[in-house]
Amino acid sequence: MLVYHFVNAKHGIENLQKRRLKIAELQKLNDPFELFGIEMSNEKVRYVFEQMKIELAKNRGLLCFSEAWSNPVMWSHYAQMHSGLCLGFEIPDIHIGKVFYSRNRLVANLEKLSNPAGLSIDEAKKFLFTKYSHWRYEKEYRSFVTLEDIDPETGLYFADFSNQLKLKRVIVGAKSELSRLDISLALGELAPEVETFKARLAFRTFRVVRQRNEKLWG
């Protein structure tokens, strides 16, 4: 499916140039309830999930996306107040999952938690893909990926563009100063394969839409 990743201008250009996307480390996510969508008043449940997150974070990270690029709040929060980029990727459905949003934290079955092998796929997925309902505007899809070689220059982990992370679109923010040439140079040989266009604020709704007047983007 086609999903979108919002990023500021500097890192967005670097992503295009280096053909990669930063992997979010589980212990550094901006939501402190991440992977803790379970009701945790029971000490045993707290221990199980805290240990699970610690163990998972040792070799797994997240690639986070949205199913849509038209929400102005996403541009404001994650794309440098509309001056960054939104990158569209084609990802096989098997490698990506939809986030569930809930007003209430999930209730765990203690017996099953004692034997994780007893959890069904749907139960395990809910634990990994549930967030508080106020995050619903993100319309998030996520992919858990393996942390391999750390980048020595940045101290971060990256996932390379591939058939499982195929760049299809580059959308330039409404307030961005990036030119067509900037994007074309960053894309290099990928340019013919990637749809590129400028965004603008809609005139009648609270949405971000495509700028159809090509003359307004130099």
N, C-alpha and C. Protein backbone atom coordinates (compact mmCIF):
# COMPACT_ATOMS: atom_id res chain seq x y z
N MET A 1 0.84 -1.19 0.00
CA MET A 1 0.00 0.00 0.00
C MET A 1 0.88 1.25 0.00
N LEU A 2 0.28 2.37 -0.40
CA LEU A 2 1.00 3.63 -0.45
C LEU A 2 0.78 4.37 0.86
N VAL A 3 1.88 4.68 1.55
CA VAL A 3 1.81 5.38 2.84
C VAL A 3 2.81 6.54 2.82
N TYR A 4 2.67 7.44 3.80
CA TYR A 4 3.42 8.69 3.76
C TYR A 4 4.22 8.95 5.03
N HIS A 5 5.41 9.51 4.83
CA HIS A 5 6.30 9.84 5.93
C HIS A 5 6.65 11.32 5.85
N PHE A 6 6.38 12.05 6.93
CA PHE A 6 6.64 13.49 6.98
C PHE A 6 8.00 13.75 7.61
N VAL A 7 8.70 14.75 7.07
CA VAL A 7 10.07 15.00 7.52
C VAL A 7 10.44 16.45 7.24
N ASN A 8 11.39 17.01 8.00
CA ASN A 8 11.80 18.39 7.73
C ASN A 8 12.65 18.46 6.46
N ALA A 9 12.91 19.65 5.99
CA ALA A 9 13.57 19.83 4.70
C ALA A 9 14.98 19.24 4.68
N LYS A 10 15.77 19.54 5.70
CA LYS A 10 17.15 19.08 5.74
C LYS A 10 17.24 17.56 5.71
N HIS A 11 16.52 16.91 6.61
CA HIS A 11 16.57 15.46 6.67
C HIS A 11 15.87 14.82 5.47
N GLY A 12 14.87 15.50 4.96
CA GLY A 12 14.18 14.98 3.78
C GLY A 12 15.11 14.89 2.58
N ILE A 13 15.87 15.94 2.34
CA ILE A 13 16.82 15.94 1.23
C ILE A 13 17.89 14.87 1.47
N GLU A 14 18.36 14.74 2.69
CA GLU A 14 19.35 13.70 3.01
C GLU A 14 18.78 12.31 2.76
N ASN A 15 17.51 12.12 3.12
CA ASN A 15 16.86 10.83 2.86
C ASN A 15 16.88 10.49 1.37
N LEU A 16 16.57 11.49 0.55
CA LEU A 16 16.55 11.27 -0.90
C LEU A 16 17.95 11.02 -1.44
N GLN A 17 18.90 11.79 -0.99
CA GLN A 17 20.27 11.66 -1.48
C GLN A 17 20.88 10.30 -1.09
N LYS A 18 20.62 9.87 0.13
CA LYS A 18 21.25 8.65 0.64
C LYS A 18 20.35 7.42 0.51
N ARG A 19 19.13 7.64 -0.03
CA ARG A 19 18.21 6.53 -0.31
C ARG A 19 17.91 5.73 0.96
N ARG A 20 17.50 6.44 2.00
CA ARG A 20 17.25 5.74 3.26
C ARG A 20 16.27 6.54 4.11
N LEU A 21 15.74 5.88 5.14
CA LEU A 21 14.78 6.47 6.05
C LEU A 21 15.19 6.13 7.48
N LYS A 22 15.14 7.12 8.35
CA LYS A 22 15.55 6.89 9.74
C LYS A 22 14.58 5.94 10.45
N ILE A 23 15.16 5.00 11.19
CA ILE A 23 14.37 4.08 12.00
C ILE A 23 14.21 4.68 13.39
N ALA A 24 12.98 4.72 13.90
CA ALA A 24 12.72 5.23 15.24
C ALA A 24 13.04 4.15 16.27
N GLU A 25 13.88 4.48 17.25
CA GLU A 25 14.20 3.54 18.31
C GLU A 25 13.09 3.55 19.36
N LEU A 26 12.73 2.38 19.85
CA LEU A 26 11.56 2.23 20.70
C LEU A 26 11.65 3.01 22.01
N GLN A 27 12.85 3.15 22.55
CA GLN A 27 13.00 3.87 23.81
C GLN A 27 13.09 5.38 23.62
N LYS A 28 13.01 5.85 22.38
CA LYS A 28 13.13 7.28 22.11
C LYS A 28 11.89 7.85 21.42
N LEU A 29 10.79 7.12 21.44
CA LEU A 29 9.57 7.57 20.77
C LEU A 29 8.92 8.71 21.55
N ASN A 30 8.19 9.58 20.85
CA ASN A 30 7.62 10.75 21.51
C ASN A 30 6.37 10.45 22.33
N ASP A 31 5.84 9.25 22.24
CA ASP A 31 4.68 8.86 23.04
C ASP A 31 5.14 7.93 24.17
N PRO A 32 5.11 8.38 25.43
CA PRO A 32 5.59 7.54 26.53
C PRO A 32 4.73 6.30 26.76
N PHE A 33 3.53 6.28 26.21
CA PHE A 33 2.65 5.12 26.34
C PHE A 33 2.88 4.09 25.22
N GLU A 34 3.85 4.36 24.33
CA GLU A 34 4.10 3.45 23.21
C GLU A 34 4.43 2.05 23.72
N LEU A 35 3.71 1.05 23.20
CA LEU A 35 3.79 -0.36 23.58
C LEU A 35 3.28 -0.60 25.00
N PHE A 36 2.73 0.45 25.63
CA PHE A 36 2.12 0.32 26.95
C PHE A 36 0.62 0.64 26.86
N GLY A 37 -0.03 0.18 25.80
CA GLY A 37 -1.46 0.43 25.65
C GLY A 37 -2.31 -0.49 26.51
N ILE A 38 -1.63 -1.28 27.33
CA ILE A 38 -2.32 -2.24 28.20
C ILE A 38 -2.62 -1.60 29.55
N GLU A 39 -3.68 -2.04 30.20
CA GLU A 39 -4.00 -1.59 31.55
C GLU A 39 -2.98 -2.22 32.50
N MET A 40 -2.23 -1.39 33.24
CA MET A 40 -1.05 -1.86 33.95
C MET A 40 -1.11 -1.66 35.46
N SER A 41 -2.30 -1.69 36.04
CA SER A 41 -2.41 -1.54 37.50
C SER A 41 -1.87 -2.77 38.23
N ASN A 42 -1.81 -3.90 37.51
CA ASN A 42 -1.27 -5.12 38.10
C ASN A 42 0.25 -5.13 37.95
N GLU A 43 0.96 -5.37 39.04
CA GLU A 43 2.42 -5.33 39.04
C GLU A 43 3.02 -6.33 38.05
N LYS A 44 2.42 -7.50 37.95
CA LYS A 44 2.94 -8.53 37.05
C LYS A 44 2.83 -8.07 35.60
N VAL A 45 1.71 -7.46 35.26
CA VAL A 45 1.52 -6.96 33.89
C VAL A 45 2.55 -5.87 33.59
N ARG A 46 2.76 -4.96 34.54
CA ARG A 46 3.77 -3.91 34.34
C ARG A 46 5.13 -4.51 34.06
N TYR A 47 5.50 -5.50 34.85
CA TYR A 47 6.82 -6.12 34.70
C TYR A 47 6.95 -6.78 33.33
N VAL A 48 5.94 -7.54 32.93
CA VAL A 48 5.99 -8.25 31.65
C VAL A 48 6.15 -7.28 30.49
N PHE A 49 5.39 -6.20 30.49
CA PHE A 49 5.44 -5.27 29.36
C PHE A 49 6.68 -4.38 29.38
N GLU A 50 7.15 -4.02 30.56
CA GLU A 50 8.39 -3.26 30.63
C GLU A 50 9.56 -4.09 30.11
N GLN A 51 9.60 -5.37 30.49
CA GLN A 51 10.66 -6.25 30.01
C GLN A 51 10.54 -6.50 28.51
N MET A 52 9.29 -6.65 28.05
CA MET A 52 9.06 -6.88 26.62
C MET A 52 9.60 -5.71 25.80
N LYS A 53 9.32 -4.47 26.27
CA LYS A 53 9.77 -3.29 25.53
C LYS A 53 11.29 -3.20 25.54
N ILE A 54 11.91 -3.50 26.67
CA ILE A 54 13.37 -3.47 26.78
C ILE A 54 14.00 -4.47 25.81
N GLU A 55 13.46 -5.69 25.80
CA GLU A 55 14.01 -6.74 24.94
C GLU A 55 13.77 -6.42 23.47
N LEU A 56 12.57 -5.94 23.15
CA LEU A 56 12.24 -5.63 21.76
C LEU A 56 13.11 -4.49 21.24
N ALA A 57 13.39 -3.51 22.12
CA ALA A 57 14.16 -2.34 21.71
C ALA A 57 15.62 -2.65 21.40
N LYS A 58 16.11 -3.81 21.87
CA LYS A 58 17.50 -4.16 21.62
C LYS A 58 17.81 -4.40 20.15
N ASN A 59 16.82 -4.92 19.42
CA ASN A 59 17.11 -5.23 18.01
C ASN A 59 15.98 -4.90 17.04
N ARG A 60 14.96 -4.18 17.54
CA ARG A 60 13.87 -3.79 16.64
C ARG A 60 13.57 -2.31 16.79
N GLY A 61 13.18 -1.70 15.67
CA GLY A 61 12.78 -0.30 15.67
C GLY A 61 11.54 -0.14 14.81
N LEU A 62 11.11 1.11 14.66
CA LEU A 62 9.87 1.39 13.93
C LEU A 62 10.09 2.32 12.75
N LEU A 63 9.41 2.02 11.65
CA LEU A 63 9.21 2.97 10.57
C LEU A 63 7.75 3.40 10.66
N CYS A 64 7.50 4.70 10.79
CA CYS A 64 6.15 5.18 11.00
C CYS A 64 5.66 5.99 9.80
N PHE A 65 4.41 5.75 9.42
CA PHE A 65 3.82 6.38 8.25
C PHE A 65 2.39 6.80 8.54
N SER A 66 1.81 7.56 7.63
CA SER A 66 0.40 7.90 7.68
C SER A 66 -0.27 7.42 6.40
N GLU A 67 -1.54 7.12 6.49
CA GLU A 67 -2.24 6.68 5.27
C GLU A 67 -2.59 7.85 4.36
N ALA A 68 -2.44 9.09 4.85
CA ALA A 68 -2.82 10.26 4.05
C ALA A 68 -1.78 11.37 4.21
N TRP A 69 -1.73 12.25 3.22
CA TRP A 69 -0.78 13.38 3.28
C TRP A 69 -1.48 14.72 3.38
N SER A 70 -2.81 14.73 3.45
CA SER A 70 -3.58 15.98 3.34
C SER A 70 -3.89 16.65 4.67
N ASN A 71 -3.50 16.05 5.80
CA ASN A 71 -3.83 16.62 7.10
C ASN A 71 -2.83 17.74 7.45
N PRO A 72 -3.30 18.97 7.63
CA PRO A 72 -2.38 20.08 7.92
C PRO A 72 -1.67 19.93 9.26
N VAL A 73 -2.27 19.21 10.20
CA VAL A 73 -1.64 19.02 11.51
C VAL A 73 -0.38 18.16 11.37
N MET A 74 -0.43 17.16 10.52
CA MET A 74 0.75 16.32 10.28
C MET A 74 1.89 17.15 9.69
N TRP A 75 1.57 18.03 8.76
CA TRP A 75 2.57 18.91 8.17
C TRP A 75 3.16 19.84 9.24
N SER A 76 2.31 20.33 10.12
CA SER A 76 2.77 21.25 11.16
C SER A 76 3.68 20.55 12.17
N HIS A 77 3.28 19.36 12.60
CA HIS A 77 4.02 18.65 13.65
C HIS A 77 5.29 17.96 13.14
N TYR A 78 5.24 17.40 11.95
CA TYR A 78 6.31 16.51 11.50
C TYR A 78 7.07 16.99 10.27
N ALA A 79 6.61 18.04 9.63
CA ALA A 79 7.28 18.52 8.42
C ALA A 79 7.61 20.00 8.53
N GLN A 80 8.14 20.38 9.69
CA GLN A 80 8.72 21.72 9.85
C GLN A 80 7.72 22.81 9.49
N MET A 81 6.50 22.68 10.04
CA MET A 81 5.46 23.70 9.83
C MET A 81 5.22 23.99 8.35
N HIS A 82 5.06 22.90 7.59
CA HIS A 82 4.73 22.96 6.16
C HIS A 82 5.90 23.37 5.27
N SER A 83 7.11 23.44 5.82
CA SER A 83 8.26 23.80 4.99
C SER A 83 9.14 22.59 4.67
N GLY A 84 8.72 21.41 5.11
CA GLY A 84 9.47 20.19 4.85
C GLY A 84 8.89 19.40 3.70
N LEU A 85 9.05 18.07 3.79
CA LEU A 85 8.62 17.17 2.72
C LEU A 85 7.71 16.08 3.27
N CYS A 86 6.93 15.51 2.37
CA CYS A 86 6.18 14.29 2.66
C CYS A 86 6.58 13.27 1.61
N LEU A 87 7.11 12.14 2.05
CA LEU A 87 7.60 11.11 1.14
C LEU A 87 6.60 9.96 1.10
N GLY A 88 6.18 9.59 -0.10
CA GLY A 88 5.24 8.49 -0.27
C GLY A 88 5.96 7.21 -0.64
N PHE A 89 5.69 6.13 0.11
CA PHE A 89 6.35 4.85 -0.13
C PHE A 89 5.33 3.75 -0.41
N GLU A 90 5.68 2.90 -1.34
CA GLU A 90 4.90 1.69 -1.61
C GLU A 90 5.53 0.57 -0.78
N ILE A 91 4.73 -0.01 0.12
CA ILE A 91 5.21 -1.05 1.02
C ILE A 91 4.25 -2.24 0.94
N PRO A 92 4.77 -3.45 0.75
CA PRO A 92 3.88 -4.62 0.73
C PRO A 92 3.05 -4.72 2.01
N ASP A 93 1.78 -5.05 1.86
CA ASP A 93 0.88 -5.11 3.01
C ASP A 93 1.41 -6.01 4.13
N ILE A 94 2.12 -7.06 3.76
CA ILE A 94 2.60 -8.01 4.75
C ILE A 94 3.64 -7.39 5.69
N HIS A 95 4.26 -6.30 5.25
CA HIS A 95 5.33 -5.67 6.05
C HIS A 95 4.86 -4.47 6.86
N ILE A 96 3.57 -4.20 6.86
CA ILE A 96 3.08 -2.99 7.52
C ILE A 96 1.76 -3.27 8.21
N GLY A 97 1.50 -2.57 9.32
CA GLY A 97 0.27 -2.80 10.06
C GLY A 97 -0.39 -1.49 10.49
N LYS A 98 -1.69 -1.51 10.57
CA LYS A 98 -2.47 -0.33 10.94
C LYS A 98 -2.54 -0.19 12.45
N VAL A 99 -2.38 1.03 12.93
CA VAL A 99 -2.46 1.30 14.37
C VAL A 99 -3.91 1.38 14.80
N PHE A 100 -4.20 0.77 15.96
CA PHE A 100 -5.52 0.85 16.57
C PHE A 100 -5.51 2.01 17.58
N TYR A 101 -6.62 2.77 17.63
CA TYR A 101 -6.71 3.88 18.57
C TYR A 101 -7.81 3.59 19.59
N SER A 102 -7.52 3.82 20.85
CA SER A 102 -8.46 3.47 21.90
C SER A 102 -8.48 4.54 22.99
N ARG A 103 -9.67 4.83 23.50
CA ARG A 103 -9.79 5.76 24.63
C ARG A 103 -9.36 5.09 25.93
N ASN A 104 -9.50 3.76 25.97
CA ASN A 104 -9.18 3.02 27.19
C ASN A 104 -8.04 2.04 26.92
N ARG A 105 -7.27 1.76 27.94
CA ARG A 105 -6.17 0.82 27.79
C ARG A 105 -6.71 -0.61 27.78
N LEU A 106 -6.04 -1.46 27.03
CA LEU A 106 -6.47 -2.84 26.86
C LEU A 106 -6.33 -3.61 28.17
N VAL A 107 -7.15 -4.62 28.34
CA VAL A 107 -7.08 -5.47 29.53
C VAL A 107 -6.37 -6.77 29.16
N ALA A 108 -5.34 -7.12 29.92
CA ALA A 108 -4.54 -8.30 29.61
C ALA A 108 -5.06 -9.53 30.32
N ASN A 109 -4.91 -10.66 29.64
CA ASN A 109 -5.20 -11.96 30.24
C ASN A 109 -3.91 -12.47 30.90
N LEU A 110 -3.88 -12.47 32.24
CA LEU A 110 -2.65 -12.81 32.95
C LEU A 110 -2.14 -14.20 32.62
N GLU A 111 -3.05 -15.13 32.44
CA GLU A 111 -2.65 -16.50 32.15
C GLU A 111 -1.91 -16.56 30.80
N LYS A 112 -2.43 -15.84 29.82
CA LYS A 112 -1.79 -15.83 28.51
C LYS A 112 -0.47 -15.07 28.54
N LEU A 113 -0.41 -14.01 29.35
CA LEU A 113 0.83 -13.25 29.45
C LEU A 113 1.95 -14.09 30.02
N SER A 114 1.61 -15.02 30.91
CA SER A 114 2.61 -15.89 31.50
C SER A 114 3.20 -16.83 30.47
N ASN A 115 2.43 -17.04 29.39
CA ASN A 115 2.90 -17.90 28.31
C ASN A 115 2.61 -17.19 26.98
N PRO A 116 3.51 -16.26 26.57
CA PRO A 116 3.27 -15.46 25.37
C PRO A 116 2.93 -16.28 24.13
N ALA A 117 3.40 -17.53 24.10
CA ALA A 117 3.10 -18.38 22.94
C ALA A 117 1.60 -18.64 22.84
N GLY A 118 0.89 -18.43 23.94
CA GLY A 118 -0.56 -18.66 23.93
C GLY A 118 -1.35 -17.50 23.36
N LEU A 119 -0.68 -16.37 23.13
CA LEU A 119 -1.37 -15.22 22.56
C LEU A 119 -1.66 -15.46 21.08
N SER A 120 -2.84 -15.07 20.67
CA SER A 120 -3.17 -15.16 19.24
C SER A 120 -2.45 -14.03 18.50
N ILE A 121 -2.38 -14.14 17.18
CA ILE A 121 -1.74 -13.10 16.37
C ILE A 121 -2.46 -11.77 16.56
N ASP A 122 -3.80 -11.81 16.60
CA ASP A 122 -4.58 -10.58 16.77
C ASP A 122 -4.31 -9.94 18.13
N GLU A 123 -4.19 -10.76 19.19
CA GLU A 123 -3.92 -10.22 20.52
C GLU A 123 -2.54 -9.58 20.58
N ALA A 124 -1.54 -10.28 20.06
CA ALA A 124 -0.18 -9.74 20.06
C ALA A 124 -0.11 -8.45 19.25
N LYS A 125 -0.80 -8.41 18.12
CA LYS A 125 -0.78 -7.24 17.26
C LYS A 125 -1.40 -6.04 17.97
N LYS A 126 -2.47 -6.27 18.73
CA LYS A 126 -3.10 -5.16 19.45
C LYS A 126 -2.16 -4.55 20.48
N PHE A 127 -1.38 -5.39 21.15
CA PHE A 127 -0.43 -4.88 22.12
C PHE A 127 0.62 -3.99 21.46
N LEU A 128 1.03 -4.36 20.25
CA LEU A 128 2.08 -3.64 19.55
C LEU A 128 1.58 -2.46 18.73
N PHE A 129 0.28 -2.44 18.45
CA PHE A 129 -0.25 -1.45 17.51
C PHE A 129 -1.37 -0.60 18.10
N THR A 130 -1.46 -0.50 19.43
CA THR A 130 -2.52 0.30 20.04
C THR A 130 -1.96 1.59 20.62
N LYS A 131 -2.64 2.71 20.32
CA LYS A 131 -2.25 4.02 20.85
C LYS A 131 -3.50 4.73 21.39
N TYR A 132 -3.26 5.73 22.21
CA TYR A 132 -4.34 6.54 22.77
C TYR A 132 -5.10 7.24 21.64
N SER A 133 -6.40 7.37 21.81
CA SER A 133 -7.27 7.85 20.74
C SER A 133 -6.95 9.27 20.26
N HIS A 134 -6.30 10.09 21.09
CA HIS A 134 -5.99 11.46 20.67
C HIS A 134 -4.91 11.51 19.58
N TRP A 135 -4.26 10.37 19.33
CA TRP A 135 -3.29 10.28 18.23
C TRP A 135 -3.97 9.89 16.91
N ARG A 136 -5.28 9.78 16.93
CA ARG A 136 -6.01 9.26 15.77
C ARG A 136 -5.77 10.07 14.49
N TYR A 137 -5.53 11.36 14.63
CA TYR A 137 -5.33 12.21 13.46
C TYR A 137 -4.15 11.76 12.60
N GLU A 138 -3.21 11.00 13.21
CA GLU A 138 -2.05 10.55 12.45
C GLU A 138 -2.38 9.47 11.41
N LYS A 139 -3.47 8.73 11.66
CA LYS A 139 -3.84 7.63 10.76
C LYS A 139 -2.62 6.76 10.47
N GLU A 140 -1.98 6.32 11.56
CA GLU A 140 -0.66 5.70 11.44
C GLU A 140 -0.68 4.26 10.96
N TYR A 141 0.30 3.96 10.15
CA TYR A 141 0.70 2.59 9.82
C TYR A 141 2.15 2.45 10.24
N ARG A 142 2.52 1.27 10.71
CA ARG A 142 3.89 1.11 11.18
C ARG A 142 4.47 -0.23 10.76
N SER A 143 5.78 -0.23 10.71
CA SER A 143 6.49 -1.45 10.37
C SER A 143 7.62 -1.65 11.38
N PHE A 144 7.65 -2.81 12.03
CA PHE A 144 8.75 -3.15 12.92
C PHE A 144 9.89 -3.70 12.07
N VAL A 145 11.06 -3.10 12.23
CA VAL A 145 12.21 -3.50 11.41
C VAL A 145 13.40 -3.82 12.30
N THR A 146 14.32 -4.61 11.76
CA THR A 146 15.51 -5.02 12.51
C THR A 146 16.54 -3.90 12.54
N LEU A 147 17.09 -3.65 13.72
CA LEU A 147 18.20 -2.70 13.85
C LEU A 147 19.48 -3.43 13.50
N GLU A 148 20.15 -2.97 12.47
CA GLU A 148 21.38 -3.64 12.05
C GLU A 148 22.58 -2.73 12.32
N ASP A 149 23.23 -2.24 11.29
CA ASP A 149 24.43 -1.42 11.51
C ASP A 149 24.06 0.02 11.85
N ILE A 150 24.62 0.52 12.93
CA ILE A 150 24.39 1.91 13.31
C ILE A 150 25.26 2.82 12.44
N ASP A 151 24.69 3.96 12.05
CA ASP A 151 25.45 4.90 11.23
C ASP A 151 26.48 5.61 12.11
N PRO A 152 27.78 5.48 11.80
CA PRO A 152 28.82 6.04 12.67
C PRO A 152 28.81 7.57 12.72
N GLU A 153 28.30 8.21 11.69
CA GLU A 153 28.29 9.68 11.66
C GLU A 153 27.18 10.26 12.52
N THR A 154 26.05 9.60 12.56
CA THR A 154 24.88 10.15 13.27
C THR A 154 24.53 9.40 14.55
N GLY A 155 25.00 8.16 14.67
CA GLY A 155 24.61 7.34 15.81
C GLY A 155 23.18 6.85 15.71
N LEU A 156 22.63 6.87 14.49
CA LEU A 156 21.24 6.46 14.26
C LEU A 156 21.19 5.22 13.38
N TYR A 157 19.98 4.65 13.30
CA TYR A 157 19.74 3.49 12.43
C TYR A 157 18.89 3.93 11.25
N PHE A 158 19.15 3.31 10.09
CA PHE A 158 18.41 3.66 8.88
C PHE A 158 17.98 2.40 8.13
N ALA A 159 16.88 2.55 7.40
CA ALA A 159 16.42 1.50 6.49
C ALA A 159 16.61 1.99 5.06
N ASP A 160 17.28 1.22 4.25
CA ASP A 160 17.55 1.60 2.86
C ASP A 160 16.29 1.46 2.00
N PHE A 161 16.14 2.35 1.03
CA PHE A 161 15.07 2.20 0.05
C PHE A 161 15.25 0.85 -0.65
N SER A 162 14.15 0.18 -0.94
CA SER A 162 14.19 -1.14 -1.56
C SER A 162 12.82 -1.44 -2.15
N ASN A 163 12.64 -2.66 -2.60
CA ASN A 163 11.32 -3.07 -3.10
C ASN A 163 10.30 -3.17 -1.97
N GLN A 164 10.80 -3.27 -0.73
CA GLN A 164 9.91 -3.29 0.43
C GLN A 164 9.70 -1.89 1.01
N LEU A 165 10.47 -0.93 0.51
CA LEU A 165 10.36 0.47 0.92
C LEU A 165 10.65 1.32 -0.32
N LYS A 166 9.68 1.32 -1.22
CA LYS A 166 9.90 1.90 -2.55
C LYS A 166 9.34 3.32 -2.62
N LEU A 167 10.24 4.27 -2.86
CA LEU A 167 9.83 5.67 -2.95
C LEU A 167 9.00 5.90 -4.21
N LYS A 168 7.79 6.46 -4.03
CA LYS A 168 6.89 6.70 -5.16
C LYS A 168 6.53 8.18 -5.34
N ARG A 169 6.56 8.94 -4.23
CA ARG A 169 6.15 10.35 -4.32
C ARG A 169 7.03 11.22 -3.43
N VAL A 170 7.25 12.43 -3.88
CA VAL A 170 7.84 13.47 -3.05
C VAL A 170 6.92 14.68 -3.12
N ILE A 171 6.33 15.05 -1.98
CA ILE A 171 5.43 16.19 -1.90
C ILE A 171 6.13 17.30 -1.13
N VAL A 172 6.27 18.44 -1.76
CA VAL A 172 6.99 19.57 -1.17
C VAL A 172 6.00 20.46 -0.43
N GLY A 173 6.31 20.78 0.82
CA GLY A 173 5.40 21.55 1.66
C GLY A 173 5.02 22.91 1.08
N ALA A 174 3.84 23.38 1.48
CA ALA A 174 3.30 24.64 0.96
C ALA A 174 4.22 25.82 1.24
N LYS A 175 4.95 25.78 2.36
CA LYS A 175 5.83 26.89 2.74
C LYS A 175 7.30 26.58 2.47
N SER A 176 7.55 25.49 1.77
CA SER A 176 8.93 25.09 1.53
C SER A 176 9.61 25.97 0.49
N GLU A 177 10.90 26.22 0.68
CA GLU A 177 11.69 26.96 -0.28
C GLU A 177 12.48 26.04 -1.21
N LEU A 178 12.27 24.74 -1.08
CA LEU A 178 12.95 23.78 -1.96
C LEU A 178 12.41 23.89 -3.38
N SER A 179 13.30 23.92 -4.34
CA SER A 179 12.90 24.07 -5.74
C SER A 179 12.78 22.72 -6.43
N ARG A 180 12.27 22.74 -7.64
CA ARG A 180 12.23 21.52 -8.46
C ARG A 180 13.64 20.96 -8.64
N LEU A 181 14.59 21.87 -8.87
CA LEU A 181 15.96 21.44 -9.09
C LEU A 181 16.54 20.78 -7.84
N ASP A 182 16.25 21.33 -6.68
CA ASP A 182 16.72 20.72 -5.42
C ASP A 182 16.26 19.27 -5.32
N ILE A 183 14.99 19.05 -5.60
CA ILE A 183 14.42 17.70 -5.48
C ILE A 183 14.99 16.79 -6.56
N SER A 184 15.09 17.30 -7.78
CA SER A 184 15.61 16.50 -8.89
C SER A 184 17.05 16.07 -8.64
N LEU A 185 17.87 16.99 -8.14
CA LEU A 185 19.27 16.66 -7.86
C LEU A 185 19.38 15.63 -6.74
N ALA A 186 18.53 15.76 -5.73
CA ALA A 186 18.55 14.80 -4.62
C ALA A 186 18.11 13.42 -5.07
N LEU A 187 17.14 13.36 -5.97
CA LEU A 187 16.63 12.08 -6.47
C LEU A 187 17.61 11.42 -7.44
N GLY A 188 18.31 12.22 -8.22
CA GLY A 188 19.24 11.65 -9.20
C GLY A 188 18.54 10.72 -10.17
N GLU A 189 19.07 9.51 -10.30
CA GLU A 189 18.51 8.55 -11.26
C GLU A 189 17.11 8.06 -10.89
N LEU A 190 16.67 8.34 -9.66
CA LEU A 190 15.31 7.96 -9.25
C LEU A 190 14.25 8.93 -9.79
N ALA A 191 14.67 10.11 -10.22
CA ALA A 191 13.73 11.17 -10.60
C ALA A 191 12.64 10.73 -11.58
N PRO A 192 12.97 9.98 -12.65
CA PRO A 192 11.91 9.58 -13.59
C PRO A 192 10.86 8.65 -12.99
N GLU A 193 11.22 7.96 -11.91
CA GLU A 193 10.32 6.97 -11.32
C GLU A 193 9.44 7.53 -10.21
N VAL A 194 9.75 8.76 -9.78
CA VAL A 194 9.08 9.32 -8.60
C VAL A 194 8.23 10.53 -8.98
N GLU A 195 6.96 10.51 -8.58
CA GLU A 195 6.07 11.64 -8.81
C GLU A 195 6.41 12.74 -7.80
N THR A 196 6.61 13.95 -8.30
CA THR A 196 7.00 15.06 -7.44
C THR A 196 6.08 16.25 -7.69
N PHE A 197 5.57 16.84 -6.60
CA PHE A 197 4.74 18.03 -6.77
C PHE A 197 4.73 18.87 -5.50
N LYS A 198 4.27 20.09 -5.65
CA LYS A 198 4.19 21.07 -4.57
C LYS A 198 2.79 21.01 -3.94
N ALA A 199 2.73 21.21 -2.63
CA ALA A 199 1.44 21.25 -1.94
C ALA A 199 1.02 22.71 -1.72
N ARG A 200 -0.24 22.90 -1.45
CA ARG A 200 -0.75 24.21 -1.04
C ARG A 200 -1.89 23.99 -0.05
N LEU A 201 -2.29 25.06 0.63
CA LEU A 201 -3.43 24.98 1.53
C LEU A 201 -4.71 25.10 0.70
N ALA A 202 -5.69 24.26 0.99
CA ALA A 202 -6.96 24.30 0.25
C ALA A 202 -7.68 25.63 0.52
N PHE A 203 -8.49 26.04 -0.44
CA PHE A 203 -9.21 27.30 -0.31
C PHE A 203 -10.54 27.16 0.43
N ARG A 204 -11.14 25.97 0.38
CA ARG A 204 -12.48 25.79 0.94
C ARG A 204 -12.53 24.88 2.17
N THR A 205 -11.46 24.15 2.43
CA THR A 205 -11.46 23.21 3.54
C THR A 205 -10.15 23.32 4.32
N PHE A 206 -10.10 22.65 5.49
CA PHE A 206 -8.88 22.59 6.28
C PHE A 206 -8.05 21.39 5.82
N ARG A 207 -7.60 21.42 4.57
CA ARG A 207 -6.82 20.33 4.03
C ARG A 207 -5.62 20.87 3.27
N VAL A 208 -4.66 20.00 3.05
CA VAL A 208 -3.54 20.32 2.18
C VAL A 208 -3.79 19.60 0.86
N VAL A 209 -3.64 20.30 -0.23
CA VAL A 209 -3.95 19.74 -1.55
C VAL A 209 -2.78 19.99 -2.50
N ARG A 210 -2.89 19.43 -3.68
CA ARG A 210 -1.85 19.60 -4.69
C ARG A 210 -1.95 20.97 -5.35
N GLN A 211 -0.80 21.61 -5.52
CA GLN A 211 -0.75 22.87 -6.27
C GLN A 211 -0.80 22.55 -7.76
N ARG A 212 -1.90 22.91 -8.39
CA ARG A 212 -2.08 22.58 -9.81
C ARG A 212 -1.43 23.62 -10.73
N ASN A 213 -1.18 24.79 -10.22
CA ASN A 213 -0.54 25.82 -11.04
C ASN A 213 0.96 25.61 -10.97
N GLU A 214 1.49 24.92 -11.96
CA GLU A 214 2.91 24.57 -11.97
C GLU A 214 3.82 25.79 -11.99
N LYS A 215 3.31 26.92 -12.44
CA LYS A 215 4.12 28.13 -12.50
C LYS A 215 4.46 28.68 -11.12
N LEU A 216 3.72 28.24 -10.10
CA LEU A 216 3.94 28.76 -8.76
C LEU A 216 5.01 27.96 -8.00
N TRP A 217 5.61 27.01 -8.68
CA TRP A 217 6.72 26.28 -8.07
C TRP A 217 7.92 26.31 -9.01
N GLY A 218 8.94 27.05 -8.64
CA GLY A 218 10.10 27.21 -9.50
C GLY A 218 11.08 26.07 -9.41
